Protein backbone atom coordinates (compact mmCIF):
# COMPACT_ATOMS: atom_id res chain seq x y z
CA TYR A 1 142.69 121.30 79.95
CA ASN A 2 141.28 124.62 81.38
CA TYR A 3 140.15 127.07 78.65
CA GLU A 4 140.27 130.43 79.82
CA PRO A 5 139.15 133.52 77.63
CA LEU A 6 141.98 135.89 76.38
CA THR A 7 142.21 139.00 78.76
CA LYS A 8 144.40 142.13 78.81
CA GLY A 9 144.81 143.38 82.18
CA ASP A 10 141.77 143.53 84.22
CA TYR A 11 139.53 143.64 80.49
CA ILE A 12 137.97 140.39 79.66
CA TYR A 13 137.41 140.04 76.14
CA PRO A 14 133.63 138.90 75.18
CA GLY A 15 133.16 135.57 73.81
CA TRP A 16 132.47 136.66 70.33
CA ALA A 17 135.75 138.33 70.22
CA ASN A 18 137.19 134.95 71.42
CA GLY A 19 134.88 133.21 68.68
CA ILE A 20 136.25 135.41 65.90
CA GLY A 21 139.82 134.74 67.03
CA TRP A 22 138.82 130.89 66.85
CA CYS A 23 137.52 131.15 63.46
CA LEU A 24 140.43 132.81 62.10
CA ALA A 25 142.61 130.71 63.33
CA MET A 26 140.75 127.41 61.95
CA ILE A 27 140.65 128.90 59.01
CA CYS A 28 144.31 128.86 58.45
CA ILE A 29 144.79 125.43 60.11
CA LEU A 30 142.22 123.46 58.45
CA ALA A 31 143.15 124.88 54.85
CA VAL A 32 145.57 122.50 54.40
CA PRO A 33 143.70 119.17 55.32
CA PHE A 34 140.63 120.79 53.41
CA MET A 35 142.84 120.88 50.19
CA MET A 36 144.04 117.55 50.83
CA ILE A 37 140.42 116.45 50.74
CA VAL A 38 139.74 118.14 47.66
CA HIS A 39 142.98 116.63 46.29
CA VAL A 40 141.77 112.88 47.24
CA ILE A 41 138.52 113.39 45.57
CA LYS A 42 139.77 115.02 42.30
CA ALA A 43 141.99 112.03 42.17
CA LEU A 44 138.99 109.67 42.75
CA ILE A 45 136.93 111.44 40.12
CA ASN A 46 139.91 111.33 37.54
CA SER A 47 141.50 108.02 38.21
CA GLY A 48 139.90 105.93 35.60
CA SER A 49 142.15 103.74 33.73
CA GLN A 50 145.44 105.23 35.43
CA GLY A 51 144.18 103.97 39.24
CA LEU A 52 144.00 106.12 42.16
CA VAL A 53 147.58 105.71 43.48
CA ASP A 54 149.10 106.69 40.13
CA GLU A 55 146.56 109.71 39.99
CA LEU A 56 147.89 111.05 43.31
CA LYS A 57 151.64 110.48 42.73
CA GLU A 58 150.62 112.59 39.50
CA GLY A 59 148.99 115.19 41.48
CA LEU A 60 151.64 115.61 43.99
CA LYS A 61 154.47 116.63 41.13
CA PRO A 62 155.13 120.19 40.26
CA THR A 63 153.15 121.70 37.46
CA LYS A 64 154.96 122.90 34.20
CA GLN A 65 154.19 126.33 35.45
CA TRP A 66 155.58 126.02 38.94
CA ARG A 67 158.62 124.25 37.52
CA ALA A 68 159.21 127.04 35.10
CA ASN A 69 158.63 129.63 37.77
CA ALA A 70 161.56 127.96 39.81
CA ILE A 71 163.88 128.08 36.92
CA ARG A 72 163.46 131.78 36.76
CA ALA A 73 163.81 132.43 40.01
CA ASN A 74 166.87 130.30 40.12
CA ALA A 75 168.46 132.09 37.21
CA ARG A 76 167.77 135.67 38.82
CA ASP A 77 169.14 134.45 41.95
CA GLY A 78 172.44 133.19 40.46
CA SER A 79 175.11 131.86 42.53
CA LYS A 80 173.29 132.54 45.43
CA SER A 81 170.25 129.97 44.56
CA LEU A 82 170.25 126.70 46.77
CA PHE A 83 169.29 124.44 43.67
CA ASP A 84 170.70 123.69 40.21
CA TYR A 85 168.22 122.71 37.83
CA VAL A 86 169.43 119.70 35.19
CA GLN A 87 167.71 118.54 32.03
CA ARG A 88 167.14 114.69 31.97
CA GLY A 89 165.55 113.22 28.92
CA THR A 90 162.25 115.06 28.74
CA GLU A 91 162.14 116.31 32.98
CA THR A 92 163.97 118.91 34.50
CA VAL A 93 165.50 117.52 37.67
CA ARG A 94 166.45 119.86 40.79
CA PHE A 95 169.30 119.06 42.75
CA ARG A 96 170.96 120.86 45.84
CA SER A 97 173.67 123.15 45.00
CA GLY A 98 177.23 122.96 46.00
CA LYS A 99 179.76 120.34 46.32
CA GLY A 100 179.20 118.93 49.70
CA GLY A 101 177.42 115.65 48.03
CA HIS A 102 174.58 114.90 50.54
CA VAL A 103 173.55 118.04 52.24
CA ASN A 104 170.07 118.73 54.34
CA GLY A 105 168.21 115.58 53.08
CA TYR A 106 169.52 116.07 49.06
CA ASP A 107 171.91 113.49 47.54
CA ASN A 108 173.67 115.11 44.54
CA LYS A 109 174.81 111.43 43.37
CA ASP A 110 172.89 111.69 39.94
CA LEU A 111 175.04 114.42 39.34
CA ARG A 112 178.12 112.48 39.60
CA ASN A 113 178.57 110.12 36.78
């Protein structure tokens, strides 16, 4: 792999300008793995009697605030919404809208009794 500094026409940008560009790119790219590490560390600290795997699974579920915002956005979108929310016991479950059954990785078989 041959790295060449950024150029525009005959102008070659200085090394510090390329460095700033790489730093900005890495901040965006590394945010996801960094937050994954933070999530795993928090799960290790909080695992206690629940166990690490269960704590990680719980951390990957949507929060109540996220779900409330999603339901509000769904109601605002009306028939244009891609999902339907159905109350199942204490949980609100999201399903793909429409009558197509299995669409883009979502299977609505739980809605059909």
